[in-house]
Protein backbone atom coordinates (compact mmCIF):
# COMPACT_ATOMS: atom_id res chain seq x y z
CA MET A 1 -38.69 12.21 -9.93
CA THR A 2 -37.06 11.81 -13.34
CA ASP A 3 -35.78 8.77 -15.29
CA CYS A 4 -32.11 10.40 -13.71
CA ASP A 5 -33.72 10.36 -10.64
CA LEU A 6 -34.76 6.89 -10.83
CA ALA A 7 -31.85 5.58 -12.06
CA TYR A 8 -29.55 7.64 -9.15
CA ARG A 9 -31.97 6.31 -6.12
CA ARG A 10 -30.95 2.74 -7.51
CA LEU A 11 -26.96 3.12 -7.43
CA ARG A 12 -27.59 4.84 -4.16
CA ASN A 13 -29.71 1.54 -2.88
CA GLN A 14 -27.73 -0.79 -4.85
CA ARG A 15 -24.74 0.92 -2.95
CA LEU A 16 -22.79 1.51 -6.22
CA VAL A 17 -22.69 5.07 -4.85
CA GLY A 18 -22.62 6.06 -1.09
CA PRO A 19 -22.25 4.34 1.74
CA LYS A 20 -20.36 0.75 0.84
CA LEU A 21 -20.89 -2.69 2.29
CA ALA A 22 -17.36 -4.06 4.22
CA GLY A 23 -17.67 -7.72 2.74
CA PRO A 24 -18.57 -9.59 -0.17
CA ASP A 25 -21.41 -11.70 2.23
CA GLU A 26 -22.94 -8.37 3.25
CA VAL A 27 -23.17 -7.25 -0.48
CA VAL A 28 -25.13 -10.75 -1.45
CA ALA A 29 -27.37 -10.08 2.07
CA TRP A 30 -28.25 -6.78 1.05
CA LEU A 31 -28.96 -7.62 -2.61
CA THR A 32 -30.36 -10.98 -1.03
CA ALA A 33 -29.49 -12.54 -4.66
CA VAL A 34 -26.52 -11.61 -7.35
CA GLN A 35 -27.48 -12.82 -10.89
CA ALA A 36 -24.09 -15.44 -11.24
CA GLN A 37 -23.81 -17.18 -13.79
CA ASP A 38 -20.51 -15.16 -15.24
CA TYR A 39 -18.63 -16.10 -12.18
CA GLY A 40 -15.50 -13.27 -13.19
CA GLY A 41 -17.88 -10.66 -13.76
CA ALA A 42 -20.49 -11.38 -10.63
CA LYS A 43 -17.59 -11.03 -8.69
CA TRP A 44 -16.61 -7.76 -9.92
CA ALA A 45 -20.26 -6.90 -9.26
CA LEU A 46 -19.84 -7.57 -5.64
CA SER A 47 -16.41 -5.55 -4.89
CA MET A 48 -17.84 -2.39 -6.44
CA ARG A 49 -20.60 -2.52 -4.01
CA THR A 50 -17.49 -2.82 -0.95
CA ASN A 51 -14.26 -0.66 -0.43
CA GLY A 52 -12.17 -2.42 -2.71
CA ILE A 53 -12.40 -6.01 -1.58
CA THR A 54 -10.00 -7.88 -4.35
CA ASP A 55 -10.88 -10.55 -6.66
CA ALA A 56 -8.40 -12.86 -5.12
CA ALA A 57 -10.30 -12.06 -1.48
CA ILE A 58 -13.98 -13.22 -2.79
CA ASP A 59 -12.61 -16.52 -4.14
CA ASP A 60 -11.57 -16.86 -0.75
CA ALA A 61 -15.20 -15.83 0.76
CA PHE A 62 -16.41 -18.24 -1.51
CA ASN A 63 -14.60 -20.90 -1.21
CA ALA A 64 -15.07 -20.91 2.31
CA GLY A 65 -18.53 -20.87 1.80
CA THR A 66 -19.88 -17.93 3.15
CA ILE A 67 -21.32 -16.80 -0.03
CA LEU A 68 -22.49 -19.61 -2.24
CA ARG A 69 -23.45 -20.05 -5.90
CA THR A 70 -26.98 -22.27 -6.99
CA HIS A 71 -30.06 -22.03 -9.06
CA VAL A 72 -32.30 -20.15 -7.00
CA MET A 73 -34.48 -18.01 -9.61
CA ARG A 74 -35.98 -17.58 -13.00
CA PRO A 75 -33.89 -20.36 -13.48
CA THR A 76 -30.06 -18.95 -13.63
CA TRP A 77 -27.11 -18.90 -11.27
CA HIS A 78 -27.04 -16.64 -8.20
CA PHE A 79 -24.80 -15.91 -5.39
CA VAL A 80 -27.09 -16.16 -2.39
CA THR A 81 -26.06 -16.30 1.69
CA PRO A 82 -26.13 -19.52 3.74
CA SER A 83 -28.82 -17.48 5.79
CA ASP A 84 -30.78 -17.23 3.09
CA ILE A 85 -30.65 -20.11 0.96
CA ARG A 86 -32.99 -22.28 2.01
CA TRP A 87 -36.31 -19.98 2.72
CA MET A 88 -35.55 -18.79 -0.83
CA LEU A 89 -35.35 -22.15 -2.61
CA ALA A 90 -38.64 -22.94 -1.23
CA LEU A 91 -40.41 -20.03 -2.02
CA THR A 92 -39.20 -20.20 -5.81
CA ALA A 93 -38.21 -23.76 -6.56
CA PRO A 94 -41.90 -24.27 -7.46
CA ARG A 95 -42.07 -21.67 -10.25
CA VAL A 96 -38.30 -22.79 -11.41
CA HIS A 97 -39.89 -26.30 -12.07
CA ALA A 98 -42.73 -24.60 -13.51
CA VAL A 99 -40.47 -22.89 -15.97
CA SER A 100 -38.45 -25.96 -16.46
CA ALA A 101 -41.25 -28.56 -16.91
CA TYR A 102 -40.60 -28.96 -21.08
CA TYR A 103 -36.83 -29.57 -20.61
CA TYR A 104 -37.90 -31.95 -17.77
CA ARG A 105 -40.34 -34.02 -20.52
CA LYS A 106 -37.83 -33.12 -23.58
CA HIS A 107 -34.74 -34.74 -21.61
CA GLU A 108 -37.40 -37.74 -19.92
CA LEU A 109 -36.50 -36.72 -16.58
CA ASP A 110 -39.36 -37.54 -14.17
CA SER A 111 -39.82 -37.59 -10.49
CA ARG A 112 -38.52 -40.90 -10.05
CA ILE A 113 -35.00 -40.25 -11.82
CA PHE A 114 -34.64 -37.13 -9.97
CA ALA A 115 -34.67 -38.88 -6.80
CA ARG A 116 -32.75 -41.40 -7.80
CA ALA A 117 -30.13 -39.29 -9.12
CA GLY A 118 -30.43 -36.98 -5.51
CA ALA A 119 -29.61 -40.09 -3.49
CA LEU A 120 -26.60 -41.19 -5.74
CA PHE A 121 -25.27 -37.08 -5.26
CA GLU A 122 -26.08 -37.75 -1.16
CA ARG A 123 -23.96 -40.91 -0.96
CA ALA A 124 -21.13 -39.39 -3.21
CA LEU A 125 -20.68 -36.08 -1.20
CA GLU A 126 -21.04 -37.58 2.27
CA GLY A 127 -18.27 -36.85 4.59
CA GLY A 128 -17.64 -33.63 3.19
CA LYS A 129 -16.49 -34.30 0.24
CA GLN A 130 -16.90 -32.39 -2.93
CA LEU A 131 -16.81 -33.29 -6.80
CA THR A 132 -16.94 -31.85 -10.32
CA ARG A 133 -19.90 -31.71 -12.18
CA VAL A 134 -18.06 -34.37 -14.76
CA GLU A 135 -17.15 -36.30 -11.48
CA LEU A 136 -20.67 -36.62 -10.63
CA ALA A 137 -22.10 -37.76 -13.74
CA ALA A 138 -19.67 -40.36 -13.65
CA VAL A 139 -21.46 -41.38 -10.60
CA LEU A 140 -24.72 -41.32 -12.23
CA GLY A 141 -23.30 -43.02 -15.31
CA LYS A 142 -22.33 -46.23 -13.19
CA SER A 143 -25.69 -46.33 -11.84
CA GLY A 144 -27.41 -46.11 -15.49
CA ILE A 145 -28.43 -42.89 -15.78
CA ARG A 146 -27.99 -41.03 -18.69
CA ALA A 147 -25.71 -37.88 -17.51
CA GLU A 148 -24.66 -35.15 -20.66
CA GLY A 149 -24.98 -32.25 -21.88
CA SER A 150 -28.30 -30.35 -20.86
CA ARG A 151 -29.78 -33.61 -19.25
CA LEU A 152 -26.94 -33.31 -16.91
CA GLY A 153 -27.48 -29.59 -16.42
CA HIS A 154 -30.93 -30.02 -15.58
CA LEU A 155 -30.45 -33.13 -13.19
CA MET A 156 -27.64 -30.90 -11.46
CA MET A 157 -30.05 -28.01 -11.23
CA ARG A 158 -32.98 -29.95 -9.75
CA ALA A 159 -30.41 -31.26 -7.12
CA GLU A 160 -29.89 -27.46 -5.98
CA LEU A 161 -33.68 -26.73 -5.82
CA ASP A 162 -34.00 -29.85 -3.96
CA ALA A 163 -31.57 -28.44 -1.50
CA ILE A 164 -29.54 -31.45 -1.39
CA VAL A 165 -26.19 -29.53 -3.37
CA CYS A 166 -25.05 -26.38 -3.83
CA SER A 167 -21.97 -24.99 -4.65
CA GLY A 168 -18.75 -26.05 -3.04
CA PRO A 169 -14.77 -24.66 -3.09
CA ARG A 170 -13.29 -24.22 -6.20
CA ARG A 171 -10.71 -26.84 -7.38
CA GLY A 172 -7.97 -25.09 -9.37
CA LYS A 173 -10.48 -22.95 -11.73
CA GLN A 174 -12.95 -26.23 -11.92
CA PHE A 175 -16.46 -25.70 -9.86
CA THR A 176 -17.38 -28.48 -6.81
CA TYR A 177 -20.32 -29.15 -5.59
CA ALA A 178 -21.01 -29.65 -2.13
CA LEU A 179 -23.96 -30.79 0.14
CA LEU A 180 -26.22 -28.26 1.06
CA ASP A 181 -26.08 -29.47 4.41
CA ASP A 182 -22.08 -29.28 4.71
CA ARG A 183 -21.94 -25.65 3.53
CA ALA A 184 -25.12 -24.03 5.02
CA PRO A 185 -25.68 -26.69 8.27
CA THR A 186 -27.85 -24.76 10.46
CA THR A 187 -29.62 -21.89 8.43
CA ARG A 188 -33.43 -20.57 8.91
CA THR A 189 -36.87 -21.36 7.15
CA LEU A 190 -39.88 -19.18 6.91
CA GLY A 191 -43.32 -19.76 6.50
CA ARG A 192 -44.50 -18.95 3.12
CA ASP A 193 -46.36 -15.56 3.22
CA GLU A 194 -43.17 -14.76 5.70
CA SER A 195 -40.98 -15.57 2.75
CA LEU A 196 -43.35 -13.50 0.27
CA ALA A 197 -42.95 -10.57 2.45
CA GLU A 198 -39.13 -11.02 3.15
CA LEU A 199 -38.53 -10.88 -0.46
CA ALA A 200 -40.54 -8.39 -1.75
CA ARG A 201 -39.48 -5.82 1.10
CA ARG A 202 -35.67 -6.57 0.59
CA TYR A 203 -36.11 -6.43 -3.33
CA PHE A 204 -37.44 -2.63 -3.10
CA SER A 205 -34.88 -1.73 -0.35
CA SER A 206 -32.09 -2.63 -2.33
CA HIS A 207 -33.52 -2.65 -5.95
CA GLY A 208 -36.07 0.33 -5.71
CA PRO A 209 -37.57 2.23 -6.91
CA ALA A 210 -38.63 -0.49 -8.76
CA THR A 211 -42.33 -1.85 -10.28
CA LEU A 212 -44.54 -4.79 -9.67
CA LYS A 213 -43.46 -6.23 -13.18
CA ASP A 214 -39.77 -5.43 -12.31
CA TYR A 215 -40.19 -7.43 -9.68
CA VAL A 216 -42.11 -10.27 -10.98
CA TRP A 217 -39.04 -10.78 -13.71
CA TRP A 218 -36.08 -10.49 -10.86
CA SER A 219 -38.07 -13.20 -8.91
CA GLY A 220 -39.89 -15.14 -11.49
CA LEU A 221 -42.58 -14.98 -8.95
CA THR A 222 -46.43 -15.16 -10.39
CA ALA A 223 -47.78 -11.54 -10.19
CA ARG A 224 -50.51 -12.97 -8.05
CA ASP A 225 -47.67 -13.83 -5.51
CA ALA A 226 -45.40 -11.03 -6.27
CA LYS A 227 -48.56 -8.50 -5.38
CA ALA A 228 -49.01 -10.57 -2.26
CA GLY A 229 -45.43 -9.95 -1.05
CA ILE A 230 -45.78 -6.16 -1.81
CA ALA A 231 -49.11 -5.93 0.36
CA MET A 232 -47.34 -7.67 3.15
CA ALA A 233 -44.37 -5.59 3.19
CA LYS A 234 -46.23 -2.26 2.41
CA SER A 235 -45.80 -0.82 5.60
CA LYS A 236 -41.78 -0.31 5.58
CA LEU A 237 -42.31 0.60 1.50
CA VAL A 238 -43.29 3.50 -0.18
CA GLN A 239 -44.37 4.46 -3.92
CA GLU A 240 -44.45 6.92 -6.13
CA VAL A 241 -46.04 7.27 -9.60
CA MET A 242 -43.89 8.27 -12.26
CA ASP A 243 -45.15 8.28 -16.06
CA GLY A 244 -48.06 6.26 -15.33
CA ARG A 245 -45.79 3.80 -13.29
CA THR A 246 -46.14 2.85 -9.84
CA TYR A 247 -42.80 2.76 -8.39
CA TRP A 248 -41.72 0.51 -4.78
CA PHE A 249 -39.21 1.55 -2.31
CA ALA A 250 -37.90 1.77 0.85
CA PRO A 251 -38.38 5.25 2.71
CA THR A 252 -34.68 6.83 2.62
CA LYS A 253 -33.64 10.41 3.51
CA SER A 254 -33.76 12.84 0.81
CA LEU A 255 -31.07 12.54 -1.89
CA VAL A 256 -29.42 15.74 -1.31
CA GLY A 257 -25.31 16.28 -1.84
CA ARG A 258 -25.16 13.89 -4.35
CA ASP A 259 -21.84 12.33 -4.95
CA SER A 260 -19.55 13.41 -7.94
CA LEU A 261 -19.97 12.54 -11.59
CA THR A 262 -19.57 8.44 -11.29
CA ALA A 263 -18.42 5.97 -13.89
CA HIS A 264 -19.03 2.71 -13.81
CA LEU A 265 -17.46 -0.41 -15.70
CA LEU A 266 -20.57 -2.79 -15.09
CA PRO A 267 -20.13 -6.26 -15.51
CA ASN A 268 -22.63 -7.88 -18.24
CA TYR A 269 -25.39 -9.38 -15.44
CA ASP A 270 -24.85 -6.69 -12.88
CA GLU A 271 -27.72 -5.97 -10.81
CA HIS A 272 -28.06 -2.63 -11.78
CA LEU A 273 -29.19 -3.79 -15.49
CA VAL A 274 -30.40 -6.85 -15.20
CA ALA A 275 -32.78 -6.60 -11.98
CA TYR A 276 -35.50 -4.90 -14.11
CA LYS A 277 -37.81 -6.05 -16.99
CA ASP A 278 -38.12 -2.14 -17.99
CA ARG A 279 -34.78 -0.68 -18.60
CA ALA A 280 -35.65 2.56 -20.42
CA PRO A 281 -34.51 4.52 -17.61
CA LEU A 282 -30.48 3.62 -18.19
CA SER A 283 -30.50 4.11 -21.84
CA ASP A 284 -30.56 8.24 -21.45
CA ALA A 285 -30.21 9.41 -25.06
CA MET A 286 -27.75 6.74 -25.98
CA ARG A 287 -30.86 4.66 -27.66
CA SER A 288 -28.07 3.42 -30.19
CA ILE A 289 -26.62 1.30 -27.58
CA MET A 290 -28.46 -2.18 -28.73
CA TRP A 291 -29.89 -4.81 -25.99
CA PRO A 292 -28.44 -7.10 -25.34
CA VAL A 293 -24.81 -5.81 -26.17
CA GLU A 294 -22.66 -7.38 -29.03
CA ASP A 295 -20.69 -10.72 -27.32
CA ALA A 296 -17.45 -8.44 -28.66
CA PHE A 297 -17.94 -5.84 -25.79
CA PRO A 298 -19.93 -7.83 -23.68
CA HIS A 299 -20.21 -5.29 -20.66
CA TYR A 300 -21.74 -1.85 -19.84
CA LEU A 301 -20.24 1.64 -19.09
CA VAL A 302 -22.74 3.50 -17.27
CA VAL A 303 -22.16 7.11 -16.39
CA ASP A 304 -24.61 8.54 -13.25
CA GLY A 305 -26.75 5.38 -13.49
CA GLN A 306 -26.95 6.22 -17.25
CA LEU A 307 -26.05 3.36 -20.19
CA VAL A 308 -23.30 5.45 -22.56
CA GLY A 309 -20.83 2.83 -23.92
CA THR A 310 -19.86 -0.84 -23.94
CA TRP A 311 -16.62 -2.41 -22.47
CA ARG A 312 -14.16 -5.59 -22.69
CA ARG A 313 -11.36 -6.46 -21.34
CA ARG A 314 -7.88 -8.53 -22.51
CA PHE A 315 -4.29 -9.27 -21.13
CA GLY A 316 -1.43 -8.03 -22.26
CA ARG A 317 1.71 -9.61 -21.07
CA ASN A 318 1.90 -7.10 -18.03
CA GLU A 319 -1.12 -5.57 -17.69
CA ALA A 320 -5.29 -5.39 -18.94
CA VAL A 321 -6.56 -3.37 -21.19
CA ILE A 322 -9.79 -1.94 -21.02
CA GLU A 323 -11.71 -1.42 -24.14
CA VAL A 324 -14.21 0.96 -24.20
CA ARG A 325 -16.70 1.92 -27.17
CA THR A 326 -19.12 4.94 -26.68
CA PRO A 327 -21.65 5.92 -29.52
CA ARG A 328 -20.67 9.87 -28.55
CA PRO A 329 -17.58 11.01 -27.31
CA LEU A 330 -16.84 10.92 -23.71
CA LYS A 331 -16.83 14.84 -22.47
CA ARG A 332 -14.02 15.74 -20.12
CA ASP A 333 -15.61 14.94 -16.44
CA GLU A 334 -16.94 11.46 -17.94
CA LYS A 335 -12.99 11.05 -19.16
CA LYS A 336 -11.81 11.47 -15.82
CA ALA A 337 -14.42 9.21 -13.70
CA LEU A 338 -13.74 6.51 -15.92
CA ALA A 339 -9.90 7.15 -15.40
CA ALA A 340 -10.92 6.52 -11.85
CA GLU A 341 -13.18 3.64 -12.39
CA GLY A 342 -10.55 2.08 -14.40
CA ALA A 343 -8.10 2.22 -11.68
CA ARG A 344 -10.33 0.85 -9.07
CA TYR A 345 -10.94 -2.14 -11.84
CA GLY A 346 -6.98 -2.60 -11.68
CA ARG A 347 -6.85 -2.59 -7.76
CA PHE A 348 -9.46 -5.50 -8.16
CA ILE A 349 -7.64 -7.53 -10.30
CA ASN A 350 -3.87 -6.54 -8.49
CA MET A 351 -2.74 -5.72 -12.19
CA PRO A 352 -2.22 -2.55 -14.26
CA VAL A 353 -5.13 -1.23 -16.17
CA THR A 354 -4.92 0.82 -19.60
CA LEU A 355 -8.02 2.56 -21.02
CA SER A 356 -8.68 2.23 -24.54
CA LEU A 357 -11.28 4.60 -26.27
CA VAL A 358 -12.06 2.54 -29.78
């Protein structure tokens, strides 16, 4: 298995090439969790793995609650499904608390304050209500709990991790919170060992080939727990050694008859990029592309799974312009694949797209 083979297998397992999934909820369920602090970029990441679900349709799914957005790993925002949210929180929340302990102390947050805040959130949101972060901050303030800046952020995140709140439907462009009991009232729970095995199996099936270090990075679990999960899921996975590193993945049919050359305008936090500790297999000969990318061109152009450039979007009066920057001229077939990808993005946002190579 070469770096190119590895990258292509990941493309297929992540559903960026080959068979697509029907809707955003199926994509999130397959990947288990999709990094989503950039909401707009995360929606495009979901669409790329379907047969063309639009931006507006994903908003509808989010508002309806078929996909939820919460802090569940590392910690950062992720899309998860209602059926997975509870067992994942039970498994990963203790690790997020450990990572966040310094910030809890810095902001003078303890179990008593978290419990008071959680009870206030439950009271404010009962009866199917949805409130914005600003509105919930006001609720805390009226009860004497200081809630601003990153202190408020940690209070909200703790309520998410404690399975009290999660995303509600958007109110215009504003995000709201709702009670998890309202958004996911009847979802399964798993025992700890069962959760460790389930998370490992699903990560390596949807993101593999990947290493133990990749999985520890993505999940936020300890190396000990990650190893235990792999051991319990081992019967459903295979392994292959490349350059002294052991890669795990689900057994699949031989990768014959590859798709023609593909280009992907990946958003900044796409799972193909951020789900791995070792990103060297993605970079090919384009070592001059820095990681993380400069903010001016915050997204990534990938050709056949290999990082070849960066891109950004800006809106004109009646169109969107996608500017692409590459350290070398694109070949003719790469330009053709990029044009097809630009057209697909236009269908996603329901607007003509013009590509500009800069």
